N, C-alpha and C. Protein backbone atom coordinates (compact mmCIF):
# COMPACT_ATOMS: atom_id res chain seq x y z
N MET A 1 0.82 -1.20 0.00
CA MET A 1 0.00 0.00 0.00
C MET A 1 0.87 1.26 0.00
N LEU A 2 1.91 1.29 0.83
CA LEU A 2 2.79 2.46 0.90
C LEU A 2 3.50 2.68 -0.42
N LEU A 3 3.99 1.60 -1.04
CA LEU A 3 4.66 1.71 -2.33
C LEU A 3 3.70 2.26 -3.39
N THR A 4 2.47 1.78 -3.36
CA THR A 4 1.46 2.25 -4.32
C THR A 4 1.24 3.75 -4.16
N LEU A 5 1.11 4.21 -2.93
CA LEU A 5 0.91 5.64 -2.69
C LEU A 5 2.13 6.46 -3.09
N LEU A 6 3.31 5.93 -2.83
CA LEU A 6 4.54 6.62 -3.23
C LEU A 6 4.62 6.74 -4.75
N LEU A 7 4.38 5.63 -5.44
CA LEU A 7 4.41 5.66 -6.91
C LEU A 7 3.36 6.61 -7.48
N THR A 8 2.17 6.57 -6.91
CA THR A 8 1.11 7.48 -7.36
C THR A 8 1.54 8.92 -7.18
N GLY A 9 2.13 9.21 -6.04
CA GLY A 9 2.63 10.56 -5.79
C GLY A 9 3.69 10.98 -6.79
N VAL A 10 4.59 10.07 -7.13
CA VAL A 10 5.63 10.37 -8.12
C VAL A 10 4.99 10.68 -9.47
N PHE A 11 4.03 9.86 -9.87
CA PHE A 11 3.34 10.11 -11.15
C PHE A 11 2.67 11.48 -11.15
N PHE A 12 1.97 11.79 -10.07
CA PHE A 12 1.26 13.06 -10.01
C PHE A 12 2.24 14.24 -9.95
N LEU A 13 3.35 14.08 -9.24
CA LEU A 13 4.37 15.13 -9.19
C LEU A 13 4.96 15.36 -10.58
N LEU A 14 5.29 14.28 -11.28
CA LEU A 14 5.83 14.42 -12.64
C LEU A 14 4.81 15.06 -13.58
N ALA A 15 3.55 14.73 -13.41
CA ALA A 15 2.51 15.38 -14.22
C ALA A 15 2.48 16.87 -13.93
N GLY A 16 2.62 17.23 -12.66
CA GLY A 16 2.64 18.64 -12.28
C GLY A 16 3.80 19.39 -12.91
N VAL A 17 4.97 18.76 -12.95
CA VAL A 17 6.14 19.39 -13.57
C VAL A 17 5.88 19.61 -15.06
N HIS A 18 5.28 18.63 -15.72
CA HIS A 18 4.98 18.80 -17.15
C HIS A 18 3.94 19.90 -17.38
N LEU A 19 2.98 20.02 -16.51
CA LEU A 19 2.02 21.13 -16.62
C LEU A 19 2.70 22.46 -16.38
N TYR A 20 3.62 22.51 -15.44
CA TYR A 20 4.41 23.72 -15.18
C TYR A 20 5.14 24.14 -16.45
N TRP A 21 5.77 23.18 -17.14
CA TRP A 21 6.44 23.50 -18.39
C TRP A 21 5.44 23.92 -19.46
N ALA A 22 4.28 23.26 -19.49
CA ALA A 22 3.28 23.58 -20.51
C ALA A 22 2.86 25.04 -20.44
N PHE A 23 2.83 25.57 -19.23
CA PHE A 23 2.34 26.94 -19.06
C PHE A 23 3.47 27.94 -18.82
N GLY A 24 4.67 27.60 -19.32
CA GLY A 24 5.74 28.58 -19.36
C GLY A 24 6.84 28.42 -18.33
N GLY A 25 6.76 27.44 -17.43
CA GLY A 25 7.82 27.26 -16.45
C GLY A 25 9.13 26.89 -17.12
N ARG A 26 10.22 27.34 -16.56
CA ARG A 26 11.53 27.10 -17.18
C ARG A 26 12.50 26.31 -16.30
N TRP A 27 12.14 25.96 -15.07
CA TRP A 27 13.02 25.16 -14.22
C TRP A 27 13.17 23.77 -14.83
N PRO A 28 14.29 23.16 -14.88
CA PRO A 28 15.54 23.51 -14.20
C PRO A 28 16.43 24.46 -15.00
N GLY A 29 15.95 25.01 -16.08
CA GLY A 29 16.70 26.01 -16.81
C GLY A 29 16.32 27.40 -16.33
N HIS A 30 16.75 28.40 -17.08
CA HIS A 30 16.39 29.78 -16.74
C HIS A 30 15.74 30.49 -17.92
N ASP A 31 15.84 29.88 -19.10
CA ASP A 31 15.15 30.39 -20.28
C ASP A 31 14.82 29.18 -21.15
N GLU A 32 14.20 29.42 -22.30
CA GLU A 32 13.75 28.30 -23.12
C GLU A 32 14.90 27.41 -23.59
N ALA A 33 16.00 28.01 -24.05
CA ALA A 33 17.12 27.21 -24.54
C ALA A 33 17.74 26.37 -23.43
N SER A 34 17.90 26.95 -22.24
CA SER A 34 18.50 26.17 -21.15
C SER A 34 17.54 25.09 -20.65
N LEU A 35 16.23 25.35 -20.71
CA LEU A 35 15.26 24.32 -20.37
C LEU A 35 15.41 23.13 -21.31
N VAL A 36 15.50 23.41 -22.60
CA VAL A 36 15.68 22.34 -23.59
C VAL A 36 16.96 21.56 -23.30
N GLU A 37 18.04 22.26 -22.99
CA GLU A 37 19.30 21.57 -22.72
C GLU A 37 19.24 20.69 -21.47
N HIS A 38 18.35 21.03 -20.53
CA HIS A 38 18.23 20.24 -19.30
C HIS A 38 17.24 19.08 -19.41
N VAL A 39 16.18 19.24 -20.20
CA VAL A 39 15.13 18.21 -20.19
C VAL A 39 14.96 17.47 -21.51
N VAL A 40 15.53 17.98 -22.59
CA VAL A 40 15.42 17.30 -23.89
C VAL A 40 16.80 16.94 -24.42
N GLY A 41 17.75 17.82 -24.24
CA GLY A 41 19.09 17.63 -24.76
C GLY A 41 19.38 18.68 -25.79
N ARG A 42 18.78 18.52 -26.93
CA ARG A 42 18.89 19.52 -28.01
C ARG A 42 17.70 19.34 -28.94
N THR A 43 17.29 20.43 -29.54
CA THR A 43 16.35 20.37 -30.65
C THR A 43 16.95 21.24 -31.75
N ARG A 44 16.47 21.08 -32.94
CA ARG A 44 17.04 21.82 -34.06
C ARG A 44 17.00 23.32 -33.80
N ASP A 45 15.89 23.82 -33.31
CA ASP A 45 15.76 25.26 -33.08
C ASP A 45 15.75 25.62 -31.59
N MET A 46 16.10 24.65 -30.73
CA MET A 46 16.16 24.84 -29.28
C MET A 46 14.85 25.38 -28.71
N LYS A 47 13.76 24.88 -29.24
CA LYS A 47 12.44 25.23 -28.72
C LYS A 47 11.97 24.14 -27.76
N ALA A 48 11.34 24.58 -26.68
CA ALA A 48 10.79 23.64 -25.71
C ALA A 48 9.60 22.91 -26.34
N PRO A 49 9.27 21.72 -25.83
CA PRO A 49 8.08 21.03 -26.31
C PRO A 49 6.85 21.93 -26.19
N SER A 50 5.92 21.74 -27.09
CA SER A 50 4.74 22.60 -27.15
C SER A 50 3.81 22.39 -25.95
N LEU A 51 2.90 23.33 -25.78
CA LEU A 51 1.88 23.22 -24.74
C LEU A 51 1.14 21.90 -24.89
N LEU A 52 0.76 21.58 -26.11
CA LEU A 52 0.01 20.34 -26.36
C LEU A 52 0.83 19.11 -25.97
N ALA A 53 2.11 19.09 -26.33
CA ALA A 53 2.95 17.94 -26.00
C ALA A 53 3.10 17.80 -24.49
N CYS A 54 3.34 18.90 -23.80
CA CYS A 54 3.50 18.85 -22.34
C CYS A 54 2.21 18.42 -21.65
N VAL A 55 1.07 18.94 -22.12
CA VAL A 55 -0.21 18.56 -21.52
C VAL A 55 -0.50 17.08 -21.80
N ALA A 56 -0.18 16.61 -22.99
CA ALA A 56 -0.41 15.20 -23.32
C ALA A 56 0.41 14.29 -22.40
N VAL A 57 1.67 14.64 -22.17
CA VAL A 57 2.50 13.84 -21.27
C VAL A 57 1.95 13.91 -19.85
N ALA A 58 1.53 15.11 -19.42
CA ALA A 58 0.97 15.25 -18.07
C ALA A 58 -0.28 14.38 -17.91
N LEU A 59 -1.13 14.37 -18.91
CA LEU A 59 -2.35 13.54 -18.84
C LEU A 59 -1.99 12.06 -18.81
N ALA A 60 -0.99 11.66 -19.59
CA ALA A 60 -0.56 10.26 -19.58
C ALA A 60 0.00 9.89 -18.21
N LEU A 61 0.76 10.79 -17.60
CA LEU A 61 1.30 10.53 -16.26
C LEU A 61 0.19 10.46 -15.22
N LEU A 62 -0.81 11.33 -15.33
CA LEU A 62 -1.95 11.27 -14.41
C LEU A 62 -2.69 9.95 -14.57
N ALA A 63 -2.87 9.51 -15.81
CA ALA A 63 -3.53 8.22 -16.06
C ALA A 63 -2.69 7.09 -15.48
N GLY A 64 -1.37 7.17 -15.63
CA GLY A 64 -0.49 6.15 -15.06
C GLY A 64 -0.61 6.12 -13.54
N GLY A 65 -0.67 7.29 -12.93
CA GLY A 65 -0.83 7.35 -11.48
C GLY A 65 -2.15 6.74 -11.04
N ALA A 66 -3.21 7.03 -11.78
CA ALA A 66 -4.53 6.45 -11.45
C ALA A 66 -4.51 4.94 -11.63
N LEU A 67 -3.83 4.47 -12.65
CA LEU A 67 -3.72 3.03 -12.90
C LEU A 67 -2.97 2.34 -11.76
N VAL A 68 -1.91 2.96 -11.29
CA VAL A 68 -1.17 2.41 -10.15
C VAL A 68 -2.05 2.42 -8.91
N LEU A 69 -2.71 3.54 -8.66
CA LEU A 69 -3.57 3.66 -7.49
C LEU A 69 -4.70 2.63 -7.51
N ALA A 70 -5.17 2.30 -8.70
CA ALA A 70 -6.26 1.32 -8.84
C ALA A 70 -5.85 -0.07 -8.36
N SER A 71 -4.55 -0.29 -8.19
CA SER A 71 -4.11 -1.62 -7.73
C SER A 71 -4.52 -1.90 -6.29
N VAL A 72 -4.90 -0.88 -5.53
CA VAL A 72 -5.33 -1.09 -4.15
C VAL A 72 -6.85 -1.05 -4.00
N TRP A 73 -7.55 -0.79 -5.08
CA TRP A 73 -9.01 -0.79 -5.03
C TRP A 73 -9.52 -2.22 -4.97
N PRO A 74 -10.73 -2.41 -4.48
CA PRO A 74 -11.29 -3.77 -4.51
C PRO A 74 -11.37 -4.29 -5.96
N PRO A 75 -11.19 -5.58 -6.14
CA PRO A 75 -11.23 -6.14 -7.50
C PRO A 75 -12.54 -5.80 -8.21
N THR A 76 -12.42 -5.56 -9.49
CA THR A 76 -13.59 -5.27 -10.33
C THR A 76 -13.52 -6.17 -11.56
N PRO A 77 -14.58 -6.21 -12.35
CA PRO A 77 -14.51 -6.98 -13.60
C PRO A 77 -13.45 -6.43 -14.56
N LEU A 78 -13.03 -5.19 -14.34
CA LEU A 78 -11.99 -4.59 -15.20
C LEU A 78 -10.58 -4.99 -14.80
N GLU A 79 -10.44 -5.75 -13.74
CA GLU A 79 -9.11 -6.06 -13.19
C GLU A 79 -8.13 -6.62 -14.23
N PRO A 80 -8.55 -7.52 -15.12
CA PRO A 80 -7.58 -8.00 -16.13
C PRO A 80 -7.06 -6.86 -17.02
N TRP A 81 -7.92 -5.91 -17.34
CA TRP A 81 -7.51 -4.77 -18.16
C TRP A 81 -6.60 -3.83 -17.37
N LEU A 82 -6.90 -3.64 -16.10
CA LEU A 82 -6.05 -2.79 -15.26
C LEU A 82 -4.67 -3.42 -15.09
N ASP A 83 -4.64 -4.74 -14.89
CA ASP A 83 -3.35 -5.44 -14.81
C ASP A 83 -2.55 -5.28 -16.09
N ALA A 84 -3.23 -5.47 -17.22
CA ALA A 84 -2.55 -5.32 -18.52
C ALA A 84 -2.03 -3.90 -18.68
N GLY A 85 -2.80 -2.93 -18.26
CA GLY A 85 -2.37 -1.53 -18.33
C GLY A 85 -1.15 -1.26 -17.47
N ARG A 86 -1.13 -1.84 -16.26
CA ARG A 86 0.03 -1.66 -15.39
C ARG A 86 1.27 -2.35 -15.96
N TRP A 87 1.09 -3.52 -16.58
CA TRP A 87 2.25 -4.16 -17.20
C TRP A 87 2.75 -3.35 -18.40
N ALA A 88 1.84 -2.75 -19.14
CA ALA A 88 2.26 -1.88 -20.24
C ALA A 88 3.03 -0.67 -19.70
N LEU A 89 2.54 -0.11 -18.61
CA LEU A 89 3.22 1.01 -17.96
C LEU A 89 4.62 0.58 -17.51
N PHE A 90 4.70 -0.60 -16.92
CA PHE A 90 6.01 -1.15 -16.54
C PHE A 90 6.94 -1.21 -17.75
N ALA A 91 6.44 -1.73 -18.87
CA ALA A 91 7.25 -1.88 -20.08
C ALA A 91 7.76 -0.53 -20.58
N VAL A 92 6.90 0.48 -20.57
CA VAL A 92 7.28 1.81 -21.04
C VAL A 92 8.41 2.37 -20.17
N PHE A 93 8.24 2.31 -18.86
CA PHE A 93 9.25 2.89 -17.98
C PHE A 93 10.53 2.05 -17.95
N ALA A 94 10.42 0.74 -18.05
CA ALA A 94 11.61 -0.10 -18.10
C ALA A 94 12.39 0.20 -19.38
N ALA A 95 11.70 0.32 -20.50
CA ALA A 95 12.37 0.61 -21.78
C ALA A 95 13.02 1.99 -21.75
N ARG A 96 12.30 3.00 -21.23
CA ARG A 96 12.88 4.34 -21.17
C ARG A 96 14.09 4.37 -20.24
N GLY A 97 14.00 3.69 -19.12
CA GLY A 97 15.13 3.65 -18.20
C GLY A 97 16.32 2.94 -18.80
N ALA A 98 16.09 1.80 -19.43
CA ALA A 98 17.18 1.04 -20.05
C ALA A 98 17.80 1.81 -21.21
N ALA A 99 16.98 2.54 -21.96
CA ALA A 99 17.48 3.30 -23.11
C ALA A 99 18.55 4.32 -22.70
N THR A 100 18.47 4.77 -21.48
CA THR A 100 19.46 5.72 -20.96
C THR A 100 20.87 5.19 -21.11
N TYR A 101 21.04 3.89 -20.98
CA TYR A 101 22.36 3.28 -20.96
C TYR A 101 22.76 2.64 -22.29
N VAL A 102 21.99 2.92 -23.33
CA VAL A 102 22.34 2.48 -24.68
C VAL A 102 22.96 3.70 -25.37
N PRO A 103 24.28 3.70 -25.54
CA PRO A 103 24.98 4.91 -25.96
C PRO A 103 24.43 5.62 -27.19
N ARG A 104 23.98 4.90 -28.18
CA ARG A 104 23.56 5.54 -29.42
C ARG A 104 22.23 6.30 -29.29
N ILE A 105 21.39 5.91 -28.37
CA ILE A 105 20.05 6.48 -28.30
C ILE A 105 20.08 7.97 -27.94
N PHE A 106 20.89 8.33 -26.97
CA PHE A 106 20.92 9.72 -26.54
C PHE A 106 22.20 10.44 -26.94
N ARG A 107 22.90 9.89 -27.92
CA ARG A 107 24.16 10.51 -28.36
C ARG A 107 23.96 11.97 -28.80
N TYR A 108 22.82 12.29 -29.36
CA TYR A 108 22.54 13.65 -29.81
C TYR A 108 22.68 14.67 -28.68
N ALA A 109 22.56 14.23 -27.44
CA ALA A 109 22.55 15.15 -26.31
C ALA A 109 23.90 15.28 -25.61
N GLU A 110 24.93 14.60 -26.13
CA GLU A 110 26.25 14.68 -25.48
C GLU A 110 26.66 16.13 -25.32
N GLY A 111 27.22 16.42 -24.15
CA GLY A 111 27.70 17.77 -23.87
C GLY A 111 26.65 18.70 -23.29
N THR A 112 25.43 18.23 -23.13
CA THR A 112 24.37 19.06 -22.55
C THR A 112 24.11 18.62 -21.10
N PRO A 113 23.50 19.50 -20.32
CA PRO A 113 23.12 19.09 -18.96
C PRO A 113 22.20 17.86 -18.97
N PHE A 114 21.36 17.71 -20.01
CA PHE A 114 20.48 16.56 -20.11
C PHE A 114 21.27 15.25 -20.08
N TRP A 115 22.39 15.23 -20.77
CA TRP A 115 23.20 14.01 -20.85
C TRP A 115 23.53 13.51 -19.45
N ARG A 116 24.01 14.41 -18.60
CA ARG A 116 24.36 14.05 -17.22
C ARG A 116 23.12 13.73 -16.40
N LEU A 117 22.10 14.59 -16.49
CA LEU A 117 20.87 14.37 -15.71
C LEU A 117 20.17 13.08 -16.11
N ASN A 118 20.22 12.75 -17.38
CA ASN A 118 19.58 11.53 -17.85
C ASN A 118 20.21 10.30 -17.20
N ARG A 119 21.53 10.29 -17.10
CA ARG A 119 22.22 9.15 -16.50
C ARG A 119 22.13 9.12 -14.98
N ARG A 120 22.04 10.28 -14.37
CA ARG A 120 22.03 10.34 -12.90
C ARG A 120 20.64 10.40 -12.30
N ALA A 121 19.66 10.90 -13.05
CA ALA A 121 18.33 11.09 -12.46
C ALA A 121 17.21 10.49 -13.31
N TYR A 122 17.08 10.92 -14.56
CA TYR A 122 15.91 10.52 -15.35
C TYR A 122 15.86 9.01 -15.59
N GLY A 123 16.97 8.43 -16.06
CA GLY A 123 17.01 6.99 -16.31
C GLY A 123 16.80 6.17 -15.04
N PRO A 124 17.56 6.47 -13.97
CA PRO A 124 17.33 5.71 -12.74
C PRO A 124 15.91 5.87 -12.19
N LEU A 125 15.33 7.06 -12.32
CA LEU A 125 13.95 7.25 -11.86
C LEU A 125 13.00 6.36 -12.66
N CYS A 126 13.18 6.31 -13.97
CA CYS A 126 12.32 5.45 -14.79
C CYS A 126 12.48 3.99 -14.40
N LEU A 127 13.71 3.54 -14.15
CA LEU A 127 13.93 2.16 -13.72
C LEU A 127 13.32 1.90 -12.35
N ALA A 128 13.41 2.87 -11.44
CA ALA A 128 12.80 2.71 -10.11
C ALA A 128 11.28 2.63 -10.22
N ILE A 129 10.70 3.45 -11.09
CA ILE A 129 9.25 3.40 -11.31
C ILE A 129 8.86 2.03 -11.85
N ALA A 130 9.60 1.54 -12.84
CA ALA A 130 9.32 0.22 -13.41
C ALA A 130 9.42 -0.87 -12.34
N LEU A 131 10.45 -0.80 -11.53
CA LEU A 131 10.62 -1.78 -10.46
C LEU A 131 9.47 -1.71 -9.47
N GLY A 132 9.05 -0.49 -9.13
CA GLY A 132 7.92 -0.32 -8.21
C GLY A 132 6.63 -0.89 -8.79
N ILE A 133 6.40 -0.65 -10.07
CA ILE A 133 5.19 -1.20 -10.70
C ILE A 133 5.25 -2.73 -10.69
N CYS A 134 6.42 -3.27 -10.99
CA CYS A 134 6.59 -4.73 -10.97
C CYS A 134 6.29 -5.26 -9.57
N ALA A 135 6.77 -4.58 -8.55
CA ALA A 135 6.54 -5.03 -7.17
C ALA A 135 5.08 -5.01 -6.79
N ILE A 136 4.34 -3.98 -7.21
CA ILE A 136 2.91 -3.96 -6.84
C ILE A 136 2.10 -4.96 -7.66
N GLN A 137 2.64 -5.39 -8.78
CA GLN A 137 1.93 -6.36 -9.61
C GLN A 137 2.13 -7.79 -9.11
N MET A 138 3.16 -7.99 -8.30
CA MET A 138 3.46 -9.35 -7.82
C MET A 138 2.57 -9.71 -6.64
């Protein structure tokens, strides 16, 4: 139960950060270009992801948090679908976390703050989320 609540909180916090970016927030950067260097790596024109992209990710994270939280609800006829959804969520986060350590995938970002943050924070966080989802599914 505690792990479920912790994971749900992480999902909701990450959704909040994406909404913050959607509406003009620049942390952990100080302007648009530095935000891109910290959270994306590089883009051709150094533009931050659009409002629509940030909101879409925030909604997906909120849905993921709700899916995790649903693991503590009483069983319903939808339980097989909820389980399948949580395993899909596990797969997404495990793949994103593992991709961090495949050199060619993020090579475009070498030399940016994202490169370091991805290896020290973003990738490990994704792997921890995947591990947490796996634990609540067992």
